N, C-alpha and C. Protein backbone atom coordinates (compact mmCIF):
# COMPACT_ATOMS: atom_id res chain seq x y z
N MET A 1 18.01 -16.99 7.54
CA MET A 1 18.34 -15.60 7.24
C MET A 1 17.15 -14.71 7.57
N GLU A 2 17.37 -13.65 8.30
CA GLU A 2 16.31 -12.76 8.74
C GLU A 2 16.07 -11.67 7.70
N SER A 3 14.80 -11.40 7.43
CA SER A 3 14.45 -10.31 6.52
C SER A 3 14.68 -8.98 7.21
N THR A 4 15.13 -8.02 6.45
CA THR A 4 15.34 -6.68 6.97
C THR A 4 14.53 -5.71 6.13
N VAL A 5 13.89 -4.76 6.78
CA VAL A 5 13.20 -3.69 6.07
C VAL A 5 13.76 -2.37 6.57
N THR A 6 13.95 -1.46 5.65
CA THR A 6 14.50 -0.16 6.03
C THR A 6 13.61 1.01 5.62
N VAL A 7 12.72 0.78 4.65
CA VAL A 7 11.86 1.85 4.15
C VAL A 7 10.45 1.33 3.93
N GLY A 8 9.52 2.27 3.84
CA GLY A 8 8.13 1.88 3.62
C GLY A 8 7.35 2.99 2.96
N LEU A 9 6.06 2.71 2.79
CA LEU A 9 5.11 3.68 2.25
C LEU A 9 3.87 3.67 3.13
N LEU A 10 3.35 4.84 3.40
CA LEU A 10 2.07 4.97 4.07
C LEU A 10 1.18 5.78 3.14
N VAL A 11 0.16 5.11 2.62
CA VAL A 11 -0.74 5.72 1.64
C VAL A 11 -2.11 5.87 2.28
N ARG A 12 -2.63 7.08 2.30
CA ARG A 12 -3.95 7.35 2.87
C ARG A 12 -4.93 7.57 1.72
N LEU A 13 -6.06 6.85 1.78
CA LEU A 13 -7.10 6.93 0.75
C LEU A 13 -8.41 7.37 1.38
N GLU A 14 -9.01 8.42 0.86
CA GLU A 14 -10.32 8.88 1.32
C GLU A 14 -11.34 8.46 0.27
N ALA A 15 -12.25 7.56 0.67
CA ALA A 15 -13.25 7.03 -0.26
C ALA A 15 -14.18 8.14 -0.73
N MET A 16 -14.57 8.06 -1.99
CA MET A 16 -15.60 8.95 -2.51
C MET A 16 -16.90 8.58 -1.80
N PRO A 17 -17.83 9.51 -1.65
CA PRO A 17 -19.08 9.21 -0.94
C PRO A 17 -19.79 7.97 -1.52
N GLY A 18 -20.12 7.04 -0.63
CA GLY A 18 -20.81 5.81 -1.03
C GLY A 18 -19.92 4.74 -1.62
N LYS A 19 -18.62 4.97 -1.72
CA LYS A 19 -17.70 4.02 -2.35
C LYS A 19 -16.87 3.22 -1.34
N GLU A 20 -17.22 3.29 -0.05
CA GLU A 20 -16.41 2.64 0.99
C GLU A 20 -16.26 1.13 0.76
N ALA A 21 -17.35 0.45 0.44
CA ALA A 21 -17.29 -1.01 0.21
C ALA A 21 -16.41 -1.33 -1.00
N GLU A 22 -16.48 -0.49 -2.02
CA GLU A 22 -15.67 -0.72 -3.22
C GLU A 22 -14.18 -0.47 -2.94
N VAL A 23 -13.87 0.49 -2.09
CA VAL A 23 -12.46 0.71 -1.72
C VAL A 23 -11.95 -0.50 -0.94
N GLU A 24 -12.77 -1.04 -0.06
CA GLU A 24 -12.38 -2.25 0.67
C GLU A 24 -12.11 -3.41 -0.29
N GLN A 25 -12.97 -3.57 -1.28
CA GLN A 25 -12.77 -4.61 -2.30
C GLN A 25 -11.50 -4.34 -3.10
N PHE A 26 -11.25 -3.08 -3.42
CA PHE A 26 -10.04 -2.69 -4.14
C PHE A 26 -8.79 -3.13 -3.37
N LEU A 27 -8.78 -2.88 -2.06
CA LEU A 27 -7.63 -3.27 -1.24
C LEU A 27 -7.47 -4.77 -1.19
N ASN A 28 -8.56 -5.51 -1.06
CA ASN A 28 -8.48 -6.97 -1.08
C ASN A 28 -7.93 -7.48 -2.41
N ALA A 29 -8.33 -6.85 -3.50
CA ALA A 29 -7.86 -7.26 -4.83
C ALA A 29 -6.38 -6.93 -5.03
N GLY A 30 -5.84 -5.99 -4.27
CA GLY A 30 -4.43 -5.63 -4.40
C GLY A 30 -3.48 -6.67 -3.84
N LEU A 31 -3.96 -7.46 -2.89
CA LEU A 31 -3.07 -8.44 -2.25
C LEU A 31 -2.42 -9.39 -3.24
N PRO A 32 -3.16 -10.04 -4.14
CA PRO A 32 -2.48 -10.95 -5.09
C PRO A 32 -1.46 -10.24 -5.98
N LEU A 33 -1.69 -8.97 -6.28
CA LEU A 33 -0.73 -8.23 -7.12
C LEU A 33 0.60 -8.04 -6.41
N VAL A 34 0.57 -7.70 -5.13
CA VAL A 34 1.83 -7.46 -4.42
C VAL A 34 2.53 -8.76 -4.03
N GLN A 35 1.80 -9.86 -3.99
CA GLN A 35 2.44 -11.13 -3.66
C GLN A 35 3.49 -11.53 -4.70
N SER A 36 3.38 -10.99 -5.90
CA SER A 36 4.36 -11.30 -6.95
C SER A 36 5.55 -10.33 -6.95
N GLU A 37 5.57 -9.39 -6.02
CA GLU A 37 6.66 -8.43 -5.94
C GLU A 37 7.68 -8.90 -4.90
N PRO A 38 8.84 -9.39 -5.33
CA PRO A 38 9.79 -9.95 -4.36
C PRO A 38 10.31 -8.95 -3.33
N ALA A 39 10.35 -7.67 -3.66
CA ALA A 39 10.90 -6.70 -2.72
C ALA A 39 9.85 -6.11 -1.77
N THR A 40 8.59 -6.47 -1.97
CA THR A 40 7.56 -6.02 -1.03
C THR A 40 7.53 -7.04 0.10
N THR A 41 8.20 -6.71 1.20
CA THR A 41 8.35 -7.63 2.31
C THR A 41 7.04 -7.84 3.05
N ALA A 42 6.30 -6.77 3.28
CA ALA A 42 5.00 -6.85 3.95
C ALA A 42 4.11 -5.77 3.36
N TRP A 43 2.82 -6.08 3.24
CA TRP A 43 1.84 -5.17 2.65
C TRP A 43 0.55 -5.30 3.42
N PHE A 44 -0.04 -4.17 3.78
CA PHE A 44 -1.28 -4.17 4.55
C PHE A 44 -2.27 -3.20 3.94
N GLY A 45 -3.49 -3.65 3.68
CA GLY A 45 -4.60 -2.78 3.36
C GLY A 45 -5.31 -2.52 4.68
N ILE A 46 -5.51 -1.26 5.03
CA ILE A 46 -6.05 -0.93 6.36
C ILE A 46 -7.23 0.04 6.26
N ARG A 47 -8.04 0.03 7.31
CA ARG A 47 -9.14 0.99 7.43
C ARG A 47 -8.83 1.86 8.64
N LEU A 48 -8.83 3.18 8.43
CA LEU A 48 -8.51 4.13 9.49
C LEU A 48 -9.74 4.80 10.07
N GLY A 49 -10.86 4.72 9.38
CA GLY A 49 -12.09 5.35 9.82
C GLY A 49 -13.21 4.95 8.88
N PRO A 50 -14.41 5.51 9.06
CA PRO A 50 -15.55 5.10 8.24
C PRO A 50 -15.31 5.20 6.73
N SER A 51 -14.63 6.24 6.29
CA SER A 51 -14.38 6.41 4.85
C SER A 51 -12.90 6.58 4.53
N THR A 52 -12.05 6.37 5.52
CA THR A 52 -10.61 6.55 5.34
C THR A 52 -9.92 5.19 5.38
N PHE A 53 -9.16 4.91 4.34
CA PHE A 53 -8.45 3.65 4.19
C PHE A 53 -6.98 3.94 3.97
N GLY A 54 -6.19 2.91 3.92
CA GLY A 54 -4.78 3.11 3.67
C GLY A 54 -4.08 1.84 3.24
N ILE A 55 -2.85 2.04 2.85
CA ILE A 55 -1.94 0.94 2.52
C ILE A 55 -0.65 1.24 3.26
N PHE A 56 -0.15 0.24 3.95
CA PHE A 56 1.17 0.35 4.59
C PHE A 56 1.98 -0.82 4.09
N ASP A 57 3.14 -0.53 3.52
CA ASP A 57 4.00 -1.61 3.05
C ASP A 57 5.46 -1.26 3.31
N VAL A 58 6.28 -2.30 3.40
CA VAL A 58 7.70 -2.12 3.73
C VAL A 58 8.58 -2.90 2.76
N PHE A 59 9.82 -2.41 2.65
CA PHE A 59 10.75 -2.91 1.65
C PHE A 59 12.16 -2.97 2.24
N PRO A 60 13.03 -3.81 1.69
CA PRO A 60 14.40 -3.89 2.21
C PRO A 60 15.22 -2.64 1.91
N ASP A 61 14.86 -1.92 0.81
CA ASP A 61 15.65 -0.76 0.41
C ASP A 61 14.83 0.12 -0.51
N ASP A 62 15.40 1.26 -0.87
CA ASP A 62 14.67 2.19 -1.72
C ASP A 62 14.43 1.63 -3.12
N ALA A 63 15.32 0.80 -3.62
CA ALA A 63 15.11 0.21 -4.95
C ALA A 63 13.84 -0.63 -4.95
N GLY A 64 13.60 -1.38 -3.88
CA GLY A 64 12.38 -2.17 -3.77
C GLY A 64 11.15 -1.28 -3.70
N ARG A 65 11.26 -0.20 -2.95
CA ARG A 65 10.14 0.74 -2.83
C ARG A 65 9.84 1.36 -4.19
N GLN A 66 10.87 1.77 -4.92
CA GLN A 66 10.66 2.37 -6.24
C GLN A 66 10.07 1.37 -7.22
N ALA A 67 10.49 0.11 -7.14
CA ALA A 67 9.92 -0.93 -8.01
C ALA A 67 8.42 -1.07 -7.73
N HIS A 68 8.05 -1.02 -6.46
CA HIS A 68 6.64 -1.12 -6.09
C HIS A 68 5.86 0.08 -6.63
N LEU A 69 6.42 1.27 -6.51
CA LEU A 69 5.76 2.48 -7.00
C LEU A 69 5.58 2.46 -8.52
N SER A 70 6.34 1.63 -9.20
CA SER A 70 6.22 1.48 -10.66
C SER A 70 5.41 0.25 -11.04
N GLY A 71 4.88 -0.45 -10.05
CA GLY A 71 4.21 -1.73 -10.29
C GLY A 71 2.72 -1.63 -10.56
N GLN A 72 2.09 -2.80 -10.55
CA GLN A 72 0.67 -2.93 -10.90
C GLN A 72 -0.25 -2.22 -9.92
N VAL A 73 0.01 -2.35 -8.62
CA VAL A 73 -0.88 -1.73 -7.64
C VAL A 73 -0.88 -0.22 -7.81
N ALA A 74 0.29 0.36 -8.01
CA ALA A 74 0.37 1.82 -8.20
C ALA A 74 -0.40 2.23 -9.45
N ALA A 75 -0.30 1.46 -10.52
CA ALA A 75 -1.02 1.79 -11.76
C ALA A 75 -2.53 1.72 -11.55
N VAL A 76 -3.00 0.69 -10.87
CA VAL A 76 -4.44 0.55 -10.61
C VAL A 76 -4.91 1.64 -9.65
N LEU A 77 -4.06 2.00 -8.70
CA LEU A 77 -4.39 3.06 -7.76
C LEU A 77 -4.65 4.36 -8.53
N LYS A 78 -3.74 4.70 -9.44
CA LYS A 78 -3.87 5.93 -10.22
C LYS A 78 -5.15 5.92 -11.07
N GLU A 79 -5.51 4.75 -11.61
CA GLU A 79 -6.71 4.64 -12.44
C GLU A 79 -7.98 4.92 -11.65
N ASN A 80 -7.95 4.73 -10.34
CA ASN A 80 -9.15 4.85 -9.53
C ASN A 80 -9.27 6.17 -8.77
N VAL A 81 -8.31 7.07 -8.97
CA VAL A 81 -8.41 8.40 -8.36
C VAL A 81 -9.60 9.12 -9.00
N GLY A 82 -10.48 9.64 -8.17
CA GLY A 82 -11.68 10.31 -8.66
C GLY A 82 -12.84 9.37 -8.93
N VAL A 83 -12.56 8.07 -8.93
CA VAL A 83 -13.60 7.06 -9.13
C VAL A 83 -13.98 6.44 -7.78
N LEU A 84 -12.98 5.84 -7.11
CA LEU A 84 -13.21 5.21 -5.81
C LEU A 84 -12.79 6.11 -4.65
N PHE A 85 -11.74 6.90 -4.87
CA PHE A 85 -11.20 7.73 -3.80
C PHE A 85 -10.59 9.00 -4.36
N ALA A 86 -10.41 9.96 -3.45
CA ALA A 86 -9.76 11.22 -3.80
C ALA A 86 -8.27 10.97 -4.01
N GLU A 87 -7.56 11.99 -4.44
CA GLU A 87 -6.10 11.88 -4.63
C GLU A 87 -5.46 11.35 -3.36
N PRO A 88 -4.72 10.24 -3.44
CA PRO A 88 -4.12 9.68 -2.22
C PRO A 88 -2.97 10.53 -1.70
N THR A 89 -2.75 10.42 -0.41
CA THR A 89 -1.59 11.02 0.24
C THR A 89 -0.56 9.90 0.38
N ILE A 90 0.60 10.05 -0.23
CA ILE A 90 1.64 9.02 -0.18
C ILE A 90 2.83 9.57 0.59
N GLU A 91 3.15 8.90 1.68
CA GLU A 91 4.30 9.30 2.49
C GLU A 91 5.37 8.23 2.43
N MET A 92 6.58 8.63 2.12
CA MET A 92 7.71 7.71 2.17
C MET A 92 8.26 7.75 3.59
N VAL A 93 8.40 6.58 4.19
CA VAL A 93 8.83 6.50 5.58
C VAL A 93 10.09 5.67 5.70
N ASP A 94 10.84 5.93 6.76
CA ASP A 94 11.98 5.11 7.13
C ASP A 94 11.53 4.21 8.27
N VAL A 95 11.90 2.95 8.21
CA VAL A 95 11.53 2.00 9.27
C VAL A 95 12.62 2.03 10.32
N ILE A 96 12.24 2.34 11.55
CA ILE A 96 13.17 2.41 12.67
C ILE A 96 13.36 1.03 13.29
N ALA A 97 12.25 0.32 13.49
CA ALA A 97 12.29 -1.02 14.10
C ALA A 97 11.16 -1.84 13.52
N ALA A 98 11.36 -3.15 13.41
CA ALA A 98 10.35 -4.02 12.84
C ALA A 98 10.46 -5.42 13.43
N LYS A 99 9.32 -6.06 13.56
CA LYS A 99 9.27 -7.49 13.91
C LYS A 99 8.59 -8.18 12.74
N LEU A 100 9.31 -9.03 12.08
CA LEU A 100 8.81 -9.76 10.92
C LEU A 100 8.87 -11.26 11.20
N PRO A 101 8.00 -12.03 10.57
CA PRO A 101 8.11 -13.48 10.73
C PRO A 101 9.44 -13.97 10.15
N SER A 102 9.99 -15.00 10.76
CA SER A 102 11.28 -15.51 10.24
C SER A 102 11.08 -16.64 9.27
């Protein structure tokens, strides 16, 4: 059975000055949290520039996306606003095409 994703999130994080290494550690620590979320089909912690980071993740449907937004990673993200990074930019996206492992 092939996994299907229809929606995702693109979260942009701007590290506070001098906190770049800690933001990278924060993203690495998020991976085990999302591994327990059945509707999070794929999750990526990414670096977009010297102090700009992000999270890109995809879900089979909006219910899965909403469950993720109510989950542990979102809670920890909110706790670190103003500490590790500025207020994140969260964009809800529709997935047009995807290649996922089978």
